[in-house]
Amino acid sequence: MSAPFFLILHLISMAGLVSSMTIILLFPYPQKWASMALGMLSISLFVSGIGMVHANGYSMGASWISAKMMIWLILAGLTPVVAKRFPTQKKRFFVASLLLVCLAIGLAVVKP
């Protein structure tokens, strides 16, 4: 498949992931479908990201790719945990997660 296909899939997955994180963290009652969407979209984000790496000829050993993968793994893994176990910290984690999303986008643009 082509690089533009993976880019579009990656952007749609990222938008959906951030939307489902917002619903999980800011809604007062748990939304089961948002947690399921978070899981499916995180897998889609990972697969499309790997597809973009290979389609564009980047090396998986690049530090910016490793940093982006760690950011997305942290966000996808910690969002449900914070929402369930630490409900008083949901708004703080939401702000921190938005900063991490901005960092991941910056890494993709700059490619240090």
Protein backbone atom coordinates (compact mmCIF):
# COMPACT_ATOMS: atom_id res chain seq x y z
CA MET A 1 0.00 0.00 0.00
CA SER A 2 1.07 3.55 -0.56
CA ALA A 3 2.40 6.10 1.90
CA PRO A 4 -0.62 8.47 1.50
CA PHE A 5 -2.97 5.63 2.48
CA PHE A 6 -1.02 4.98 5.67
CA LEU A 7 -0.83 8.71 6.39
CA ILE A 8 -4.61 9.15 6.11
CA LEU A 9 -5.24 6.06 8.24
CA HIS A 10 -2.71 7.32 10.80
CA LEU A 11 -4.32 10.77 11.02
CA ILE A 12 -7.84 9.34 11.33
CA SER A 13 -6.66 6.90 14.01
CA MET A 14 -4.90 9.68 15.90
CA ALA A 15 -7.99 11.91 15.83
CA GLY A 16 -10.16 9.03 17.01
CA LEU A 17 -7.70 8.08 19.74
CA VAL A 18 -7.60 11.61 21.11
CA SER A 19 -11.40 11.81 20.92
CA SER A 20 -11.88 8.56 22.80
CA MET A 21 -9.30 9.64 25.41
CA THR A 22 -11.26 12.87 25.85
CA ILE A 23 -14.51 10.98 26.37
CA ILE A 24 -12.91 8.55 28.82
CA LEU A 25 -11.21 11.26 30.85
CA LEU A 26 -13.76 14.07 30.84
CA PHE A 27 -17.14 12.33 30.96
CA PRO A 28 -18.42 11.77 34.50
CA TYR A 29 -19.61 8.21 33.85
CA PRO A 30 -17.57 5.44 32.24
CA GLN A 31 -18.24 4.89 28.57
CA LYS A 32 -17.45 1.27 27.67
CA TRP A 33 -17.60 1.90 23.93
CA ALA A 34 -15.00 4.65 24.27
CA SER A 35 -12.61 2.23 25.97
CA MET A 36 -13.13 -0.30 23.20
CA ALA A 37 -12.58 2.41 20.60
CA LEU A 38 -9.38 3.45 22.38
CA GLY A 39 -8.03 -0.08 22.09
CA MET A 40 -8.97 -0.54 18.44
CA LEU A 41 -7.71 2.89 17.44
CA SER A 42 -4.41 2.42 19.26
CA ILE A 43 -3.83 -0.79 17.26
CA SER A 44 -4.80 1.02 14.05
CA LEU A 45 -2.46 3.89 14.92
CA PHE A 46 0.42 1.50 15.55
CA VAL A 47 -0.13 -0.50 12.34
CA SER A 48 -0.51 2.60 10.18
CA GLY A 49 2.57 4.15 11.79
CA ILE A 50 4.66 1.06 11.02
CA GLY A 51 3.26 1.11 7.49
CA MET A 52 4.30 4.74 7.06
CA VAL A 53 7.78 4.01 8.37
CA HIS A 54 8.29 1.26 5.82
CA ALA A 55 6.55 3.08 2.95
CA ASN A 56 8.74 6.17 3.45
CA GLY A 57 11.96 4.20 3.91
CA TYR A 58 12.73 5.24 7.50
CA SER A 59 14.61 3.00 9.89
CA MET A 60 12.76 1.55 12.88
CA GLY A 61 15.87 2.35 14.92
CA ALA A 62 15.39 6.10 14.59
CA SER A 63 15.08 7.76 17.97
CA TRP A 64 12.07 9.87 17.04
CA ILE A 65 10.14 6.76 15.99
CA SER A 66 10.94 5.01 19.26
CA ALA A 67 9.92 8.11 21.22
CA LYS A 68 6.60 8.37 19.35
CA MET A 69 5.83 4.71 19.94
CA MET A 70 6.53 5.09 23.65
CA ILE A 71 4.30 8.16 23.88
CA TRP A 72 1.38 6.41 22.21
CA LEU A 73 1.86 3.25 24.27
CA ILE A 74 1.87 5.31 27.46
CA LEU A 75 -1.27 7.19 26.45
CA ALA A 76 -3.16 4.11 25.30
CA GLY A 77 -2.14 2.11 28.36
CA LEU A 78 -2.54 4.68 31.10
CA THR A 79 -5.78 6.35 30.03
CA PRO A 80 -8.09 3.53 31.18
CA VAL A 81 -6.00 2.97 34.32
CA VAL A 82 -6.16 6.61 35.37
CA ALA A 83 -9.87 6.81 34.55
CA LYS A 84 -10.70 3.79 36.69
CA ARG A 85 -8.21 3.84 39.56
CA PHE A 86 -7.51 7.56 39.95
CA PRO A 87 -10.72 9.39 39.01
CA THR A 88 -9.65 12.52 40.87
CA GLN A 89 -6.60 12.85 38.59
CA LYS A 90 -8.45 12.52 35.27
CA LYS A 91 -8.33 16.22 34.37
CA ARG A 92 -4.62 16.51 35.18
CA PHE A 93 -3.86 13.43 33.11
CA PHE A 94 -5.96 14.85 30.28
CA VAL A 95 -3.83 18.02 30.18
CA ALA A 96 -0.63 15.96 30.38
CA SER A 97 -1.87 13.68 27.60
CA LEU A 98 -2.56 16.67 25.34
CA LEU A 99 1.00 17.86 25.92
CA LEU A 100 2.29 14.38 25.04
CA VAL A 101 0.18 14.37 21.87
CA CYS A 102 1.70 17.73 20.89
CA LEU A 103 5.16 16.31 21.57
CA ALA A 104 4.45 13.29 19.37
CA ILE A 105 3.22 15.53 16.56
CA GLY A 106 6.29 17.72 16.93
CA LEU A 107 8.58 14.67 16.72
CA ALA A 108 6.83 13.58 13.52
CA VAL A 109 7.23 17.02 11.94
CA VAL A 110 10.82 17.76 13.00
CA LYS A 111 12.22 14.19 12.92
CA PRO A 112 15.25 14.97 15.10
